[in-house]
Amino acid sequence: MLTLTVPDMTCGHCVGVISGILTGLDPDCELNFELASRKVSISSTLPREDIVEALSDAGYSCE
């Protein structure tokens, strides 16, 4: 499982957008969001680089 900090994830709308991006890339991925700490845990077969690039393209930086 990959856990990323997404500093720009500040609200439920952001969670929905990020969820849509990731499930669009991998419909079978499992996601767990912790909005207060701005973390998302991702269980996916996708490489980390692909996930980070997709989020970055949508305006969400990752750490």
PDB file of N, CA and C in Angstrom:
ATOM      1  N   MET A   1       0.852  -1.180   0.000  1.00  0.00           N
ATOM      2  CA  MET A   1       0.000   0.000   0.000  1.00  0.00           C
ATOM      3  C   MET A   1       0.893   1.237   0.000  1.00  0.00           C
ATOM      4  N   LEU A   2       0.529   2.191  -0.808  1.00  0.00           N
ATOM      5  CA  LEU A   2       1.246   3.455  -0.942  1.00  0.00           C
ATOM      6  C   LEU A   2       0.485   4.536  -0.188  1.00  0.00           C
ATOM      7  N   THR A   3       1.184   5.308   0.631  1.00  0.00           N
ATOM      8  CA  THR A   3       0.565   6.431   1.326  1.00  0.00           C
ATOM      9  C   THR A   3       1.245   7.711   0.876  1.00  0.00           C
ATOM     10  N   LEU A   4       0.444   8.656   0.401  1.00  0.00           N
ATOM     11  CA  LEU A   4       0.945   9.943  -0.063  1.00  0.00           C
ATOM     12  C   LEU A   4       0.333  11.062   0.758  1.00  0.00           C
ATOM     13  N   THR A   5       1.118  12.083   1.008  1.00  0.00           N
ATOM     14  CA  THR A   5       0.600  13.316   1.577  1.00  0.00           C
ATOM     15  C   THR A   5       0.294  14.241   0.415  1.00  0.00           C
ATOM     16  N   VAL A   6      -0.929  14.765   0.400  1.00  0.00           N
ATOM     17  CA  VAL A   6      -1.376  15.650  -0.677  1.00  0.00           C
ATOM     18  C   VAL A   6      -1.754  16.984  -0.028  1.00  0.00           C
ATOM     19  N   PRO A   7      -0.785  17.917   0.080  1.00  0.00           N
ATOM     20  CA  PRO A   7      -1.029  19.163   0.811  1.00  0.00           C
ATOM     21  C   PRO A   7      -2.224  19.969   0.305  1.00  0.00           C
ATOM     22  N   ASP A   8      -2.529  19.859  -0.981  1.00  0.00           N
ATOM     23  CA  ASP A   8      -3.626  20.645  -1.558  1.00  0.00           C
ATOM     24  C   ASP A   8      -4.993  19.985  -1.401  1.00  0.00           C
ATOM     25  N   MET A   9      -5.063  18.819  -0.765  1.00  0.00           N
ATOM     26  CA  MET A   9      -6.331  18.129  -0.531  1.00  0.00           C
ATOM     27  C   MET A   9      -6.946  18.715   0.738  1.00  0.00           C
ATOM     28  N   THR A  10      -7.871  19.655   0.567  1.00  0.00           N
ATOM     29  CA  THR A  10      -8.371  20.418   1.714  1.00  0.00           C
ATOM     30  C   THR A  10      -9.848  20.213   2.028  1.00  0.00           C
ATOM     31  N   CYS A  11     -10.580  19.503   1.149  1.00  0.00           N
ATOM     32  CA  CYS A  11     -12.024  19.380   1.372  1.00  0.00           C
ATOM     33  C   CYS A  11     -12.564  18.115   0.719  1.00  0.00           C
ATOM     34  N   GLY A  12     -13.828  17.881   0.935  1.00  0.00           N
ATOM     35  CA  GLY A  12     -14.486  16.721   0.355  1.00  0.00           C
ATOM     36  C   GLY A  12     -14.481  16.730  -1.159  1.00  0.00           C
ATOM     37  N   HIS A  13     -14.555  17.912  -1.748  1.00  0.00           N
ATOM     38  CA  HIS A  13     -14.505  18.004  -3.211  1.00  0.00           C
ATOM     39  C   HIS A  13     -13.164  17.486  -3.726  1.00  0.00           C
ATOM     40  N   CYS A  14     -12.078  17.868  -3.051  1.00  0.00           N
ATOM     41  CA  CYS A  14     -10.747  17.387  -3.430  1.00  0.00           C
ATOM     42  C   CYS A  14     -10.684  15.858  -3.348  1.00  0.00           C
ATOM     43  N   VAL A  15     -11.237  15.306  -2.296  1.00  0.00           N
ATOM     44  CA  VAL A  15     -11.271  13.851  -2.131  1.00  0.00           C
ATOM     45  C   VAL A  15     -11.995  13.214  -3.315  1.00  0.00           C
ATOM     46  N   GLY A  16     -13.119  13.794  -3.715  1.00  0.00           N
ATOM     47  CA  GLY A  16     -13.871  13.268  -4.847  1.00  0.00           C
ATOM     48  C   GLY A  16     -13.097  13.333  -6.145  1.00  0.00           C
ATOM     49  N   VAL A  17     -12.412  14.442  -6.367  1.00  0.00           N
ATOM     50  CA  VAL A  17     -11.616  14.597  -7.591  1.00  0.00           C
ATOM     51  C   VAL A  17     -10.478  13.578  -7.611  1.00  0.00           C
ATOM     52  N   ILE A  18      -9.759  13.476  -6.505  1.00  0.00           N
ATOM     53  CA  ILE A  18      -8.635  12.537  -6.430  1.00  0.00           C
ATOM     54  C   ILE A  18      -9.126  11.102  -6.579  1.00  0.00           C
ATOM     55  N   SER A  19     -10.233  10.787  -5.947  1.00  0.00           N
ATOM     56  CA  SER A  19     -10.818   9.455  -6.076  1.00  0.00           C
ATOM     57  C   SER A  19     -11.164   9.153  -7.532  1.00  0.00           C
ATOM     58  N   GLY A  20     -11.753  10.122  -8.209  1.00  0.00           N
ATOM     59  CA  GLY A  20     -12.104   9.941  -9.617  1.00  0.00           C
ATOM     60  C   GLY A  20     -10.890   9.725 -10.498  1.00  0.00           C
ATOM     61  N   ILE A  21      -9.830  10.469 -10.230  1.00  0.00           N
ATOM     62  CA  ILE A  21      -8.593  10.316 -11.002  1.00  0.00           C
ATOM     63  C   ILE A  21      -8.028   8.912 -10.820  1.00  0.00           C
ATOM     64  N   LEU A  22      -7.921   8.494  -9.566  1.00  0.00           N
ATOM     65  CA  LEU A  22      -7.280   7.212  -9.284  1.00  0.00           C
ATOM     66  C   LEU A  22      -8.123   6.026  -9.733  1.00  0.00           C
ATOM     67  N   THR A  23      -9.429   6.089  -9.540  1.00  0.00           N
ATOM     68  CA  THR A  23     -10.266   4.977 -10.005  1.00  0.00           C
ATOM     69  C   THR A  23     -10.378   4.974 -11.526  1.00  0.00           C
ATOM     70  N   GLY A  24     -10.161   6.125 -12.150  1.00  0.00           N
ATOM     71  CA  GLY A  24     -10.112   6.164 -13.611  1.00  0.00           C
ATOM     72  C   GLY A  24      -8.886   5.448 -14.148  1.00  0.00           C
ATOM     73  N   LEU A  25      -7.793   5.528 -13.417  1.00  0.00           N
ATOM     74  CA  LEU A  25      -6.561   4.842 -13.812  1.00  0.00           C
ATOM     75  C   LEU A  25      -6.609   3.359 -13.473  1.00  0.00           C
ATOM     76  N   ASP A  26      -7.171   3.037 -12.327  1.00  0.00           N
ATOM     77  CA  ASP A  26      -7.235   1.657 -11.846  1.00  0.00           C
ATOM     78  C   ASP A  26      -8.572   1.445 -11.142  1.00  0.00           C
ATOM     79  N   PRO A  27      -9.569   0.944 -11.882  1.00  0.00           N
ATOM     80  CA  PRO A  27     -10.902   0.761 -11.288  1.00  0.00           C
ATOM     81  C   PRO A  27     -10.921  -0.169 -10.076  1.00  0.00           C
ATOM     82  N   ASP A  28      -9.904  -1.003  -9.937  1.00  0.00           N
ATOM     83  CA  ASP A  28      -9.858  -1.955  -8.826  1.00  0.00           C
ATOM     84  C   ASP A  28      -9.058  -1.451  -7.630  1.00  0.00           C
ATOM     85  N   CYS A  29      -8.583  -0.206  -7.696  1.00  0.00           N
ATOM     86  CA  CYS A  29      -7.774   0.308  -6.585  1.00  0.00           C
ATOM     87  C   CYS A  29      -8.640   0.493  -5.337  1.00  0.00           C
ATOM     88  N   GLU A  30      -7.989   0.421  -4.190  1.00  0.00           N
ATOM     89  CA  GLU A  30      -8.652   0.678  -2.912  1.00  0.00           C
ATOM     90  C   GLU A  30      -8.034   1.932  -2.322  1.00  0.00           C
ATOM     91  N   LEU A  31      -8.891   2.849  -1.874  1.00  0.00           N
ATOM     92  CA  LEU A  31      -8.443   4.144  -1.385  1.00  0.00           C
ATOM     93  C   LEU A  31      -8.922   4.382   0.035  1.00  0.00           C
ATOM     94  N   ASN A  32      -8.080   5.016   0.821  1.00  0.00           N
ATOM     95  CA  ASN A  32      -8.447   5.430   2.168  1.00  0.00           C
ATOM     96  C   ASN A  32      -7.949   6.856   2.351  1.00  0.00           C
ATOM     97  N   PHE A  33      -8.873   7.779   2.603  1.00  0.00           N
ATOM     98  CA  PHE A  33      -8.537   9.190   2.740  1.00  0.00           C
ATOM     99  C   PHE A  33      -8.554   9.602   4.203  1.00  0.00           C
ATOM    100  N   GLU A  34      -7.553  10.383   4.600  1.00  0.00           N
ATOM    101  CA  GLU A  34      -7.492  11.009   5.919  1.00  0.00           C
ATOM    102  C   GLU A  34      -7.374  12.507   5.667  1.00  0.00           C
ATOM    103  N   LEU A  35      -8.524  13.148   5.541  1.00  0.00           N
ATOM    104  CA  LEU A  35      -8.549  14.555   5.149  1.00  0.00           C
ATOM    105  C   LEU A  35      -7.826  15.446   6.153  1.00  0.00           C
ATOM    106  N   ALA A  36      -7.979  15.190   7.436  1.00  0.00           N
ATOM    107  CA  ALA A  36      -7.356  16.040   8.461  1.00  0.00           C
ATOM    108  C   ALA A  36      -5.835  16.078   8.323  1.00  0.00           C
ATOM    109  N   SER A  37      -5.237  14.934   7.985  1.00  0.00           N
ATOM    110  CA  SER A  37      -3.779  14.877   7.829  1.00  0.00           C
ATOM    111  C   SER A  37      -3.358  14.992   6.365  1.00  0.00           C
ATOM    112  N   ARG A  38      -4.355  15.116   5.490  1.00  0.00           N
ATOM    113  CA  ARG A  38      -4.127  15.272   4.043  1.00  0.00           C
ATOM    114  C   ARG A  38      -3.351  14.097   3.453  1.00  0.00           C
ATOM    115  N   LYS A  39      -3.717  12.903   3.892  1.00  0.00           N
ATOM    116  CA  LYS A  39      -3.068  11.685   3.406  1.00  0.00           C
ATOM    117  C   LYS A  39      -4.073  10.810   2.668  1.00  0.00           C
ATOM    118  N   VAL A  40      -3.558  10.138   1.650  1.00  0.00           N
ATOM    119  CA  VAL A  40      -4.358   9.143   0.948  1.00  0.00           C
ATOM    120  C   VAL A  40      -3.522   7.868   0.853  1.00  0.00           C
ATOM    121  N   SER A  41      -4.125   6.754   1.239  1.00  0.00           N
ATOM    122  CA  SER A  41      -3.490   5.445   1.120  1.00  0.00           C
ATOM    123  C   SER A  41      -4.100   4.753  -0.083  1.00  0.00           C
ATOM    124  N   ILE A  42      -3.240   4.191  -0.915  1.00  0.00           N
ATOM    125  CA  ILE A  42      -3.667   3.642  -2.198  1.00  0.00           C
ATOM    126  C   ILE A  42      -3.158   2.217  -2.328  1.00  0.00           C
ATOM    127  N   SER A  43      -4.071   1.302  -2.581  1.00  0.00           N
ATOM    128  CA  SER A  43      -3.709  -0.068  -2.906  1.00  0.00           C
ATOM    129  C   SER A  43      -4.018  -0.256  -4.385  1.00  0.00           C
ATOM    130  N   SER A  44      -2.959  -0.397  -5.186  1.00  0.00           N
ATOM    131  CA  SER A  44      -3.123  -0.439  -6.636  1.00  0.00           C
ATOM    132  C   SER A  44      -1.940  -1.162  -7.261  1.00  0.00           C
ATOM    133  N   THR A  45      -2.152  -1.668  -8.462  1.00  0.00           N
ATOM    134  CA  THR A  45      -1.060  -2.279  -9.214  1.00  0.00           C
ATOM    135  C   THR A  45      -0.271  -1.231  -9.991  1.00  0.00           C
ATOM    136  N   LEU A  46      -0.735   0.009  -9.992  1.00  0.00           N
ATOM    137  CA  LEU A  46      -0.043   1.074 -10.714  1.00  0.00           C
ATOM    138  C   LEU A  46       1.255   1.462 -10.018  1.00  0.00           C
ATOM    139  N   PRO A  47       2.277   1.812 -10.802  1.00  0.00           N
ATOM    140  CA  PRO A  47       3.511   2.311 -10.184  1.00  0.00           C
ATOM    141  C   PRO A  47       3.286   3.669  -9.522  1.00  0.00           C
ATOM    142  N   ARG A  48       4.037   3.937  -8.474  1.00  0.00           N
ATOM    143  CA  ARG A  48       3.942   5.206  -7.740  1.00  0.00           C
ATOM    144  C   ARG A  48       4.076   6.389  -8.690  1.00  0.00           C
ATOM    145  N   GLU A  49       5.003   6.299  -9.625  1.00  0.00           N
ATOM    146  CA  GLU A  49       5.263   7.405 -10.542  1.00  0.00           C
ATOM    147  C   GLU A  49       4.022   7.771 -11.353  1.00  0.00           C
ATOM    148  N   ASP A  50       3.272   6.774 -11.797  1.00  0.00           N
ATOM    149  CA  ASP A  50       2.056   7.029 -12.579  1.00  0.00           C
ATOM    150  C   ASP A  50       1.001   7.733 -11.732  1.00  0.00           C
ATOM    151  N   ILE A  51       0.880   7.319 -10.486  1.00  0.00           N
ATOM    152  CA  ILE A  51      -0.099   7.925  -9.580  1.00  0.00           C
ATOM    153  C   ILE A  51       0.269   9.377  -9.302  1.00  0.00           C
ATOM    154  N   VAL A  52       1.529   9.606  -8.966  1.00  0.00           N
ATOM    155  CA  VAL A  52       1.988  10.967  -8.660  1.00  0.00           C
ATOM    156  C   VAL A  52       1.833  11.868  -9.879  1.00  0.00           C
ATOM    157  N   GLU A  53       2.166  11.359 -11.062  1.00  0.00           N
ATOM    158  CA  GLU A  53       2.042  12.157 -12.285  1.00  0.00           C
ATOM    159  C   GLU A  53       0.586  12.523 -12.564  1.00  0.00           C
ATOM    160  N   ALA A  54      -0.320  11.577 -12.408  1.00  0.00           N
ATOM    161  CA  ALA A  54      -1.740  11.845 -12.656  1.00  0.00           C
ATOM    162  C   ALA A  54      -2.275  12.894 -11.688  1.00  0.00           C
ATOM    163  N   LEU A  55      -1.905  12.798 -10.428  1.00  0.00           N
ATOM    164  CA  LEU A  55      -2.356  13.788  -9.448  1.00  0.00           C
ATOM    165  C   LEU A  55      -1.730  15.152  -9.720  1.00  0.00           C
ATOM    166  N   SER A  56      -0.468  15.154 -10.087  1.00  0.00           N
ATOM    167  CA  SER A  56       0.220  16.407 -10.407  1.00  0.00           C
ATOM    168  C   SER A  56      -0.419  17.087 -11.615  1.00  0.00           C
ATOM    169  N   ASP A  57      -0.763  16.302 -12.630  1.00  0.00           N
ATOM    170  CA  ASP A  57      -1.419  16.848 -13.826  1.00  0.00           C
ATOM    171  C   ASP A  57      -2.744  17.513 -13.477  1.00  0.00           C
ATOM    172  N   ALA A  58      -3.386  17.037 -12.405  1.00  0.00           N
ATOM    173  CA  ALA A  58      -4.666  17.606 -11.967  1.00  0.00           C
ATOM    174  C   ALA A  58      -4.479  18.747 -10.965  1.00  0.00           C
ATOM    175  N   GLY A  59      -3.220  19.076 -10.652  1.00  0.00           N
ATOM    176  CA  GLY A  59      -2.952  20.198  -9.759  1.00  0.00           C
ATOM    177  C   GLY A  59      -2.738  19.832  -8.307  1.00  0.00           C
ATOM    178  N   TYR A  60      -2.574  18.546  -8.020  1.00  0.00           N
ATOM    179  CA  TYR A  60      -2.356  18.089  -6.645  1.00  0.00           C
ATOM    180  C   TYR A  60      -0.924  17.589  -6.487  1.00  0.00           C
ATOM    181  N   SER A  61      -0.105  18.350  -5.785  1.00  0.00           N
ATOM    182  CA  SER A  61       1.261  17.908  -5.526  1.00  0.00           C
ATOM    183  C   SER A  61       1.237  16.816  -4.459  1.00  0.00           C
ATOM    184  N   CYS A  62       2.240  15.949  -4.495  1.00  0.00           N
ATOM    185  CA  CYS A  62       2.312  14.830  -3.553  1.00  0.00           C
ATOM    186  C   CYS A  62       3.678  14.799  -2.892  1.00  0.00           C
ATOM    187  N   GLU A  63       3.662  14.339  -1.663  1.00  0.00           N
ATOM    188  CA  GLU A  63       4.923  14.159  -0.927  1.00  0.00           C
ATOM    189  C   GLU A  63       5.026  12.724  -0.483  1.00  0.00           C
TER     190      GLU A  63
END
